[in-house]
Structure formats: structure tokens, C-alpha cells
Amino acid sequence: RRTANVVRNVAFGQETLDVDTHIYRIGNRLHLAPGTTPDEVEANMLRIIPPAYRRHAHHWLILHGRYLCKARKPDCPTCLIRDLCLFEDKTQ
């Protein structure tokens, strides 16, 4: 499913989202699209992301999760959306 969503998004320009560990973590940590499974997070993300941003949101979220909102040591001081973060254990 993940690979198919990436191919559909990148190669065919379809508005899909590949929920990997980074997007799953961001969806739950920021309470943007909480869910217990990647499929739930995907459905919730697609519900809240405006259609004009869906093609590129996939890449933005992955990069944010990979380089800023890391699992073990998030770089909160340099994060542009830290005021929206609800994950108090990491931001205090």
C-alpha cells in the first residue's frame, strides 16, 4: 500500500499519502490526524489536508518528521510549528 501510494503520488500526480513512521508520528504527536494504525492516520490526514496541498504534503510531512520532529530527540527550538505541538513531553 505504501509503495503504491508513493507511485500514484509521484508518477501519476494523484492526491495520495504514504503514511510511514514519520507521518504516523507527526499525525499523533501534533494531534493533526491521530490514529492507531497507518490507515487511520492516512484517512484522517486526507480529511484535513486541503486538496491544493495533498500532492506535496506527503513530502513535507516526511521531511519534517525525518529532520525536525525526530522520534528520540526532536529539534523543537528550530521547529516552525512548535507553537502548535501538543506533545508536551518533548517540547518542555
PDB file of N, CA and C in Angstrom:
ATOM      1  N   ARG A   1       0.821  -1.188   0.000  1.00  0.00           N
ATOM      2  CA  ARG A   1       0.000   0.000   0.000  1.00  0.00           C
ATOM      3  C   ARG A   1       0.866   1.253   0.000  1.00  0.00           C
ATOM      4  N   ARG A   2       1.909   1.258   0.848  1.00  0.00           N
ATOM      5  CA  ARG A   2       2.760   2.447   0.932  1.00  0.00           C
ATOM      6  C   ARG A   2       3.449   2.727  -0.394  1.00  0.00           C
ATOM      7  N   THR A   3       4.057   1.713  -0.974  1.00  0.00           N
ATOM      8  CA  THR A   3       4.753   1.901  -2.243  1.00  0.00           C
ATOM      9  C   THR A   3       3.782   2.325  -3.329  1.00  0.00           C
ATOM     10  N   ALA A   4       2.614   1.721  -3.357  1.00  0.00           N
ATOM     11  CA  ALA A   4       1.604   2.082  -4.358  1.00  0.00           C
ATOM     12  C   ALA A   4       1.187   3.539  -4.212  1.00  0.00           C
ATOM     13  N   ASN A   5       1.041   4.009  -2.988  1.00  0.00           N
ATOM     14  CA  ASN A   5       0.669   5.407  -2.774  1.00  0.00           C
ATOM     15  C   ASN A   5       1.769   6.363  -3.227  1.00  0.00           C
ATOM     16  N   VAL A   6       3.025   5.993  -3.008  1.00  0.00           N
ATOM     17  CA  VAL A   6       4.130   6.830  -3.468  1.00  0.00           C
ATOM     18  C   VAL A   6       4.133   6.893  -4.992  1.00  0.00           C
ATOM     19  N   VAL A   7       3.976   5.759  -5.647  1.00  0.00           N
ATOM     20  CA  VAL A   7       3.961   5.720  -7.109  1.00  0.00           C
ATOM     21  C   VAL A   7       2.785   6.530  -7.648  1.00  0.00           C
ATOM     22  N   ARG A   8       1.621   6.358  -7.059  1.00  0.00           N
ATOM     23  CA  ARG A   8       0.442   7.109  -7.504  1.00  0.00           C
ATOM     24  C   ARG A   8       0.658   8.608  -7.336  1.00  0.00           C
ATOM     25  N   ASN A   9       1.294   9.007  -6.237  1.00  0.00           N
ATOM     26  CA  ASN A   9       1.522  10.416  -5.951  1.00  0.00           C
ATOM     27  C   ASN A   9       2.577  11.004  -6.873  1.00  0.00           C
ATOM     28  N   VAL A  10       3.750  10.390  -6.932  1.00  0.00           N
ATOM     29  CA  VAL A  10       4.879  10.954  -7.659  1.00  0.00           C
ATOM     30  C   VAL A  10       4.758  10.753  -9.168  1.00  0.00           C
ATOM     31  N   ALA A  11       4.459   9.547  -9.591  1.00  0.00           N
ATOM     32  CA  ALA A  11       4.447   9.248 -11.021  1.00  0.00           C
ATOM     33  C   ALA A  11       3.174   9.693 -11.730  1.00  0.00           C
ATOM     34  N   PHE A  12       2.034   9.577 -11.038  1.00  0.00           N
ATOM     35  CA  PHE A  12       0.764   9.854 -11.698  1.00  0.00           C
ATOM     36  C   PHE A  12       0.058  11.105 -11.189  1.00  0.00           C
ATOM     37  N   GLY A  13       0.652  11.787 -10.217  1.00  0.00           N
ATOM     38  CA  GLY A  13       0.099  13.041  -9.747  1.00  0.00           C
ATOM     39  C   GLY A  13      -1.208  12.928  -8.983  1.00  0.00           C
ATOM     40  N   GLN A  14      -1.479  11.759  -8.433  1.00  0.00           N
ATOM     41  CA  GLN A  14      -2.713  11.585  -7.677  1.00  0.00           C
ATOM     42  C   GLN A  14      -2.524  12.060  -6.238  1.00  0.00           C
ATOM     43  N   GLU A  15      -3.600  12.496  -5.641  1.00  0.00           N
ATOM     44  CA  GLU A  15      -3.567  13.029  -4.276  1.00  0.00           C
ATOM     45  C   GLU A  15      -3.640  11.896  -3.255  1.00  0.00           C
ATOM     46  N   THR A  16      -2.508  11.265  -3.028  1.00  0.00           N
ATOM     47  CA  THR A  16      -2.439  10.174  -2.053  1.00  0.00           C
ATOM     48  C   THR A  16      -1.390  10.524  -1.007  1.00  0.00           C
ATOM     49  N   LEU A  17      -1.354   9.738   0.033  1.00  0.00           N
ATOM     50  CA  LEU A  17      -0.428   9.982   1.129  1.00  0.00           C
ATOM     51  C   LEU A  17       0.130   8.652   1.598  1.00  0.00           C
ATOM     52  N   ASP A  18       1.452   8.563   1.636  1.00  0.00           N
ATOM     53  CA  ASP A  18       2.113   7.368   2.153  1.00  0.00           C
ATOM     54  C   ASP A  18       2.388   7.598   3.627  1.00  0.00           C
ATOM     55  N   VAL A  19       1.730   6.883   4.500  1.00  0.00           N
ATOM     56  CA  VAL A  19       1.929   7.061   5.939  1.00  0.00           C
ATOM     57  C   VAL A  19       3.034   6.120   6.400  1.00  0.00           C
ATOM     58  N   ASP A  20       4.241   6.677   6.482  1.00  0.00           N
ATOM     59  CA  ASP A  20       5.359   5.919   7.022  1.00  0.00           C
ATOM     60  C   ASP A  20       5.498   6.258   8.507  1.00  0.00           C
ATOM     61  N   THR A  21       6.585   5.857   9.124  1.00  0.00           N
ATOM     62  CA  THR A  21       6.744   6.104  10.558  1.00  0.00           C
ATOM     63  C   THR A  21       6.789   7.594  10.877  1.00  0.00           C
ATOM     64  N   HIS A  22       7.342   8.394   9.974  1.00  0.00           N
ATOM     65  CA  HIS A  22       7.449   9.831  10.224  1.00  0.00           C
ATOM     66  C   HIS A  22       6.073  10.498  10.223  1.00  0.00           C
ATOM     67  N   ILE A  23       5.277  10.215   9.217  1.00  0.00           N
ATOM     68  CA  ILE A  23       3.945  10.817   9.127  1.00  0.00           C
ATOM     69  C   ILE A  23       3.045  10.275  10.234  1.00  0.00           C
ATOM     70  N   TYR A  24       3.181   9.008  10.542  1.00  0.00           N
ATOM     71  CA  TYR A  24       2.399   8.419  11.637  1.00  0.00           C
ATOM     72  C   TYR A  24       2.711   9.131  12.950  1.00  0.00           C
ATOM     73  N   ARG A  25       4.009   9.358  13.206  1.00  0.00           N
ATOM     74  CA  ARG A  25       4.425  10.033  14.428  1.00  0.00           C
ATOM     75  C   ARG A  25       3.906  11.470  14.470  1.00  0.00           C
ATOM     76  N   ILE A  26       4.033  12.203  13.390  1.00  0.00           N
ATOM     77  CA  ILE A  26       3.576  13.596  13.346  1.00  0.00           C
ATOM     78  C   ILE A  26       2.064  13.681  13.508  1.00  0.00           C
ATOM     79  N   GLY A  27       1.345  12.803  12.845  1.00  0.00           N
ATOM     80  CA  GLY A  27      -0.110  12.809  12.951  1.00  0.00           C
ATOM     81  C   GLY A  27      -0.580  12.632  14.376  1.00  0.00           C
ATOM     82  N   ASN A  28       0.110  11.783  15.118  1.00  0.00           N
ATOM     83  CA  ASN A  28      -0.268  11.534  16.506  1.00  0.00           C
ATOM     84  C   ASN A  28       0.346  12.549  17.471  1.00  0.00           C
ATOM     85  N   ARG A  29       1.583  12.917  17.253  1.00  0.00           N
ATOM     86  CA  ARG A  29       2.255  13.836  18.162  1.00  0.00           C
ATOM     87  C   ARG A  29       1.626  15.226  18.127  1.00  0.00           C
ATOM     88  N   LEU A  30       1.308  15.711  16.951  1.00  0.00           N
ATOM     89  CA  LEU A  30       0.707  17.041  16.816  1.00  0.00           C
ATOM     90  C   LEU A  30      -0.815  17.001  16.922  1.00  0.00           C
ATOM     91  N   HIS A  31      -1.354  15.805  17.016  1.00  0.00           N
ATOM     92  CA  HIS A  31      -2.808  15.607  17.061  1.00  0.00           C
ATOM     93  C   HIS A  31      -3.486  16.156  15.808  1.00  0.00           C
ATOM     94  N   LEU A  32      -2.765  16.137  14.703  1.00  0.00           N
ATOM     95  CA  LEU A  32      -3.348  16.546  13.425  1.00  0.00           C
ATOM     96  C   LEU A  32      -4.315  15.494  12.924  1.00  0.00           C
ATOM     97  N   ALA A  33      -3.861  14.264  12.979  1.00  0.00           N
ATOM     98  CA  ALA A  33      -4.658  13.154  12.462  1.00  0.00           C
ATOM     99  C   ALA A  33      -4.366  11.923  13.291  1.00  0.00           C
ATOM    100  N   PRO A  34      -4.788  11.908  14.540  1.00  0.00           N
ATOM    101  CA  PRO A  34      -4.468  10.766  15.394  1.00  0.00           C
ATOM    102  C   PRO A  34      -5.117   9.474  14.907  1.00  0.00           C
ATOM    103  N   GLY A  35      -4.425   8.400  15.143  1.00  0.00           N
ATOM    104  CA  GLY A  35      -4.942   7.093  14.772  1.00  0.00           C
ATOM    105  C   GLY A  35      -4.058   6.006  15.325  1.00  0.00           C
ATOM    106  N   THR A  36      -4.607   4.820  15.444  1.00  0.00           N
ATOM    107  CA  THR A  36      -3.844   3.698  15.986  1.00  0.00           C
ATOM    108  C   THR A  36      -3.184   2.867  14.894  1.00  0.00           C
ATOM    109  N   THR A  37      -3.571   3.089  13.648  1.00  0.00           N
ATOM    110  CA  THR A  37      -2.966   2.384  12.524  1.00  0.00           C
ATOM    111  C   THR A  37      -2.598   3.398  11.441  1.00  0.00           C
ATOM    112  N   PRO A  38      -1.654   3.048  10.577  1.00  0.00           N
ATOM    113  CA  PRO A  38      -1.321   3.949   9.472  1.00  0.00           C
ATOM    114  C   PRO A  38      -2.525   4.260   8.576  1.00  0.00           C
ATOM    115  N   ASP A  39      -3.416   3.292   8.396  1.00  0.00           N
ATOM    116  CA  ASP A  39      -4.604   3.533   7.570  1.00  0.00           C
ATOM    117  C   ASP A  39      -5.509   4.597   8.185  1.00  0.00           C
ATOM    118  N   GLU A  40      -5.651   4.581   9.506  1.00  0.00           N
ATOM    119  CA  GLU A  40      -6.461   5.593  10.186  1.00  0.00           C
ATOM    120  C   GLU A  40      -5.826   6.973  10.049  1.00  0.00           C
ATOM    121  N   VAL A  41      -4.512   7.040  10.234  1.00  0.00           N
ATOM    122  CA  VAL A  41      -3.811   8.319  10.110  1.00  0.00           C
ATOM    123  C   VAL A  41      -3.935   8.835   8.677  1.00  0.00           C
ATOM    124  N   GLU A  42      -3.796   7.947   7.695  1.00  0.00           N
ATOM    125  CA  GLU A  42      -3.941   8.345   6.287  1.00  0.00           C
ATOM    126  C   GLU A  42      -5.321   8.931   6.021  1.00  0.00           C
ATOM    127  N   ALA A  43      -6.351   8.249   6.475  1.00  0.00           N
ATOM    128  CA  ALA A  43      -7.721   8.733   6.252  1.00  0.00           C
ATOM    129  C   ALA A  43      -7.936  10.083   6.934  1.00  0.00           C
ATOM    130  N   ASN A  44      -7.426  10.228   8.144  1.00  0.00           N
ATOM    131  CA  ASN A  44      -7.584  11.485   8.863  1.00  0.00           C
ATOM    132  C   ASN A  44      -6.779  12.612   8.224  1.00  0.00           C
ATOM    133  N   MET A  45      -5.573  12.304   7.763  1.00  0.00           N
ATOM    134  CA  MET A  45      -4.757  13.317   7.087  1.00  0.00           C
ATOM    135  C   MET A  45      -5.427  13.786   5.810  1.00  0.00           C
ATOM    136  N   LEU A  46      -5.930  12.843   5.027  1.00  0.00           N
ATOM    137  CA  LEU A  46      -6.586  13.223   3.769  1.00  0.00           C
ATOM    138  C   LEU A  46      -7.852  14.035   4.030  1.00  0.00           C
ATOM    139  N   ARG A  47      -8.453  13.849   5.177  1.00  0.00           N
ATOM    140  CA  ARG A  47      -9.641  14.608   5.543  1.00  0.00           C
ATOM    141  C   ARG A  47      -9.307  16.061   5.868  1.00  0.00           C
ATOM    142  N   ILE A  48      -8.134  16.307   6.473  1.00  0.00           N
ATOM    143  CA  ILE A  48      -7.814  17.663   6.930  1.00  0.00           C
ATOM    144  C   ILE A  48      -6.927  18.457   5.968  1.00  0.00           C
ATOM    145  N   ILE A  49      -6.199  17.780   5.082  1.00  0.00           N
ATOM    146  CA  ILE A  49      -5.313  18.485   4.150  1.00  0.00           C
ATOM    147  C   ILE A  49      -6.132  18.993   2.971  1.00  0.00           C
ATOM    148  N   PRO A  50      -6.083  20.297   2.695  1.00  0.00           N
ATOM    149  CA  PRO A  50      -6.824  20.840   1.561  1.00  0.00           C
ATOM    150  C   PRO A  50      -6.345  20.222   0.240  1.00  0.00           C
ATOM    151  N   PRO A  51      -7.250  20.027  -0.704  1.00  0.00           N
ATOM    152  CA  PRO A  51      -6.883  19.394  -1.971  1.00  0.00           C
ATOM    153  C   PRO A  51      -5.703  20.048  -2.684  1.00  0.00           C
ATOM    154  N   ALA A  52      -5.562  21.342  -2.579  1.00  0.00           N
ATOM    155  CA  ALA A  52      -4.466  22.032  -3.277  1.00  0.00           C
ATOM    156  C   ALA A  52      -3.087  21.627  -2.748  1.00  0.00           C
ATOM    157  N   TYR A  53      -3.011  21.088  -1.543  1.00  0.00           N
ATOM    158  CA  TYR A  53      -1.731  20.740  -0.924  1.00  0.00           C
ATOM    159  C   TYR A  53      -1.472  19.239  -0.833  1.00  0.00           C
ATOM    160  N   ARG A  54      -2.402  18.428  -1.220  1.00  0.00           N
ATOM    161  CA  ARG A  54      -2.278  16.978  -0.998  1.00  0.00           C
ATOM    162  C   ARG A  54      -1.112  16.333  -1.723  1.00  0.00           C
ATOM    163  N   ARG A  55      -0.811  16.770  -2.940  1.00  0.00           N
ATOM    164  CA  ARG A  55       0.298  16.137  -3.673  1.00  0.00           C
ATOM    165  C   ARG A  55       1.627  16.352  -2.983  1.00  0.00           C
ATOM    166  N   HIS A  56       1.831  17.517  -2.395  1.00  0.00           N
ATOM    167  CA  HIS A  56       3.132  17.837  -1.811  1.00  0.00           C
ATOM    168  C   HIS A  56       3.186  17.629  -0.307  1.00  0.00           C
ATOM    169  N   ALA A  57       2.046  17.544   0.355  1.00  0.00           N
ATOM    170  CA  ALA A  57       2.007  17.370   1.807  1.00  0.00           C
ATOM    171  C   ALA A  57       2.752  16.114   2.231  1.00  0.00           C
ATOM    172  N   HIS A  58       2.645  15.083   1.430  1.00  0.00           N
ATOM    173  CA  HIS A  58       3.330  13.819   1.701  1.00  0.00           C
ATOM    174  C   HIS A  58       4.829  14.058   1.919  1.00  0.00           C
ATOM    175  N   HIS A  59       5.460  14.786   1.018  1.00  0.00           N
ATOM    176  CA  HIS A  59       6.898  15.043   1.101  1.00  0.00           C
ATOM    177  C   HIS A  59       7.228  15.992   2.250  1.00  0.00           C
ATOM    178  N   TRP A  60       6.435  17.035   2.438  1.00  0.00           N
ATOM    179  CA  TRP A  60       6.679  17.991   3.520  1.00  0.00           C
ATOM    180  C   TRP A  60       6.621  17.309   4.877  1.00  0.00           C
ATOM    181  N   LEU A  61       5.619  16.465   5.068  1.00  0.00           N
ATOM    182  CA  LEU A  61       5.459  15.788   6.357  1.00  0.00           C
ATOM    183  C   LEU A  61       6.580  14.794   6.622  1.00  0.00           C
ATOM    184  N   ILE A  62       6.984  14.062   5.604  1.00  0.00           N
ATOM    185  CA  ILE A  62       8.084  13.107   5.773  1.00  0.00           C
ATOM    186  C   ILE A  62       9.373  13.836   6.133  1.00  0.00           C
ATOM    187  N   LEU A  63       9.670  14.912   5.426  1.00  0.00           N
ATOM    188  CA  LEU A  63      10.897  15.654   5.715  1.00  0.00           C
ATOM    189  C   LEU A  63      10.856  16.287   7.103  1.00  0.00           C
ATOM    190  N   HIS A  64       9.714  16.792   7.490  1.00  0.00           N
ATOM    191  CA  HIS A  64       9.575  17.369   8.829  1.00  0.00           C
ATOM    192  C   HIS A  64       9.813  16.302   9.901  1.00  0.00           C
ATOM    193  N   GLY A  65       9.247  15.129   9.706  1.00  0.00           N
ATOM    194  CA  GLY A  65       9.426  14.043  10.664  1.00  0.00           C
ATOM    195  C   GLY A  65      10.833  13.477  10.664  1.00  0.00           C
ATOM    196  N   ARG A  66      11.489  13.509   9.533  1.00  0.00           N
ATOM    197  CA  ARG A  66      12.833  12.949   9.429  1.00  0.00           C
ATOM    198  C   ARG A  66      13.895  13.874  10.025  1.00  0.00           C
ATOM    199  N   TYR A  67      13.753  15.179   9.803  1.00  0.00           N
ATOM    200  CA  TYR A  67      14.817  16.092  10.192  1.00  0.00           C
ATOM    201  C   TYR A  67      14.520  16.982  11.395  1.00  0.00           C
ATOM    202  N   LEU A  68      13.264  17.224  11.721  1.00  0.00           N
ATOM    203  CA  LEU A  68      12.949  18.089  12.860  1.00  0.00           C
ATOM    204  C   LEU A  68      12.222  17.349  13.971  1.00  0.00           C
ATOM    205  N   CYS A  69      11.122  16.731  13.649  1.00  0.00           N
ATOM    206  CA  CYS A  69      10.280  16.080  14.654  1.00  0.00           C
ATOM    207  C   CYS A  69      10.690  14.612  14.779  1.00  0.00           C
ATOM    208  N   LYS A  70      11.964  14.423  15.106  1.00  0.00           N
ATOM    209  CA  LYS A  70      12.531  13.083  15.186  1.00  0.00           C
ATOM    210  C   LYS A  70      11.964  12.335  16.395  1.00  0.00           C
ATOM    211  N   ALA A  71      11.977  11.040  16.333  1.00  0.00           N
ATOM    212  CA  ALA A  71      11.376  10.214  17.382  1.00  0.00           C
ATOM    213  C   ALA A  71      12.078  10.375  18.727  1.00  0.00           C
ATOM    214  N   ARG A  72      13.370  10.267  18.747  1.00  0.00           N
ATOM    215  CA  ARG A  72      14.089  10.274  20.025  1.00  0.00           C
ATOM    216  C   ARG A  72      14.469  11.662  20.507  1.00  0.00           C
ATOM    217  N   LYS A  73      14.847  12.531  19.596  1.00  0.00           N
ATOM    218  CA  LYS A  73      15.312  13.856  20.007  1.00  0.00           C
ATOM    219  C   LYS A  73      14.804  14.903  19.013  1.00  0.00           C
ATOM    220  N   PRO A  74      13.564  15.334  19.161  1.00  0.00           N
ATOM    221  CA  PRO A  74      13.045  16.341  18.241  1.00  0.00           C
ATOM    222  C   PRO A  74      13.777  17.671  18.424  1.00  0.00           C
ATOM    223  N   ASP A  75      13.929  18.390  17.340  1.00  0.00           N
ATOM    224  CA  ASP A  75      14.627  19.672  17.350  1.00  0.00           C
ATOM    225  C   ASP A  75      13.608  20.801  17.505  1.00  0.00           C
ATOM    226  N   CYS A  76      12.957  20.823  18.643  1.00  0.00           N
ATOM    227  CA  CYS A  76      11.861  21.767  18.905  1.00  0.00           C
ATOM    228  C   CYS A  76      12.273  23.239  18.813  1.00  0.00           C
ATOM    229  N   PRO A  77      13.459  23.632  19.287  1.00  0.00           N
ATOM    230  CA  PRO A  77      13.809  25.054  19.222  1.00  0.00           C
ATOM    231  C   PRO A  77      13.843  25.625  17.796  1.00  0.00           C
ATOM    232  N   THR A  78      14.130  24.797  16.801  1.00  0.00           N
ATOM    233  CA  THR A  78      14.180  25.303  15.425  1.00  0.00           C
ATOM    234  C   THR A  78      12.907  25.002  14.628  1.00  0.00           C
ATOM    235  N   CYS A  79      11.949  24.361  15.252  1.00  0.00           N
ATOM    236  CA  CYS A  79      10.718  23.972  14.557  1.00  0.00           C
ATOM    237  C   CYS A  79       9.817  25.177  14.333  1.00  0.00           C
ATOM    238  N   LEU A  80       9.360  25.332  13.109  1.00  0.00           N
ATOM    239  CA  LEU A  80       8.496  26.466  12.759  1.00  0.00           C
ATOM    240  C   LEU A  80       7.071  26.313  13.267  1.00  0.00           C
ATOM    241  N   ILE A  81       6.675  25.107  13.614  1.00  0.00           N
ATOM    242  CA  ILE A  81       5.307  24.898  14.093  1.00  0.00           C
ATOM    243  C   ILE A  81       5.279  24.432  15.540  1.00  0.00           C
ATOM    244  N   ARG A  82       6.317  24.753  16.296  1.00  0.00           N
ATOM    245  CA  ARG A  82       6.392  24.303  17.690  1.00  0.00           C
ATOM    246  C   ARG A  82       5.253  24.839  18.543  1.00  0.00           C
ATOM    247  N   ASP A  83       4.696  25.986  18.177  1.00  0.00           N
ATOM    248  CA  ASP A  83       3.578  26.532  18.948  1.00  0.00           C
ATOM    249  C   ASP A  83       2.304  25.714  18.764  1.00  0.00           C
ATOM    250  N   LEU A  84       2.271  24.865  17.745  1.00  0.00           N
ATOM    251  CA  LEU A  84       1.110  24.006  17.506  1.00  0.00           C
ATOM    252  C   LEU A  84       1.281  22.615  18.118  1.00  0.00           C
ATOM    253  N   CYS A  85       2.480  22.297  18.558  1.00  0.00           N
ATOM    254  CA  CYS A  85       2.777  20.957  19.048  1.00  0.00           C
ATOM    255  C   CYS A  85       2.135  20.725  20.412  1.00  0.00           C
ATOM    256  N   LEU A  86       1.464  19.612  20.532  1.00  0.00           N
ATOM    257  CA  LEU A  86       0.786  19.255  21.771  1.00  0.00           C
ATOM    258  C   LEU A  86       1.506  18.144  22.527  1.00  0.00           C
ATOM    259  N   PHE A  87       2.667  17.771  22.061  1.00  0.00           N
ATOM    260  CA  PHE A  87       3.435  16.690  22.683  1.00  0.00           C
ATOM    261  C   PHE A  87       4.325  17.269  23.771  1.00  0.00           C
ATOM    262  N   GLU A  88       3.771  17.516  24.931  1.00  0.00           N
ATOM    263  CA  GLU A  88       4.446  18.258  25.994  1.00  0.00           C
ATOM    264  C   GLU A  88       5.721  17.603  26.498  1.00  0.00           C
ATOM    265  N   ASP A  89       5.789  16.287  26.486  1.00  0.00           N
ATOM    266  CA  ASP A  89       6.998  15.618  26.984  1.00  0.00           C
ATOM    267  C   ASP A  89       8.235  16.020  26.199  1.00  0.00           C
ATOM    268  N   LYS A  90       8.086  16.330  24.936  1.00  0.00           N
ATOM    269  CA  LYS A  90       9.235  16.654  24.094  1.00  0.00           C
ATOM    270  C   LYS A  90       9.481  18.154  23.969  1.00  0.00           C
ATOM    271  N   THR A  91       8.474  18.966  24.204  1.00  0.00           N
ATOM    272  CA  THR A  91       8.631  20.396  23.967  1.00  0.00           C
ATOM    273  C   THR A  91       8.947  21.185  25.226  1.00  0.00           C
ATOM    274  N   GLN A  92       8.937  20.571  26.377  1.00  0.00           N
ATOM    275  CA  GLN A  92       9.229  21.306  27.619  1.00  0.00           C
ATOM    276  C   GLN A  92      10.700  21.252  27.944  1.00  0.00           C
TER     277      GLN A  92
END
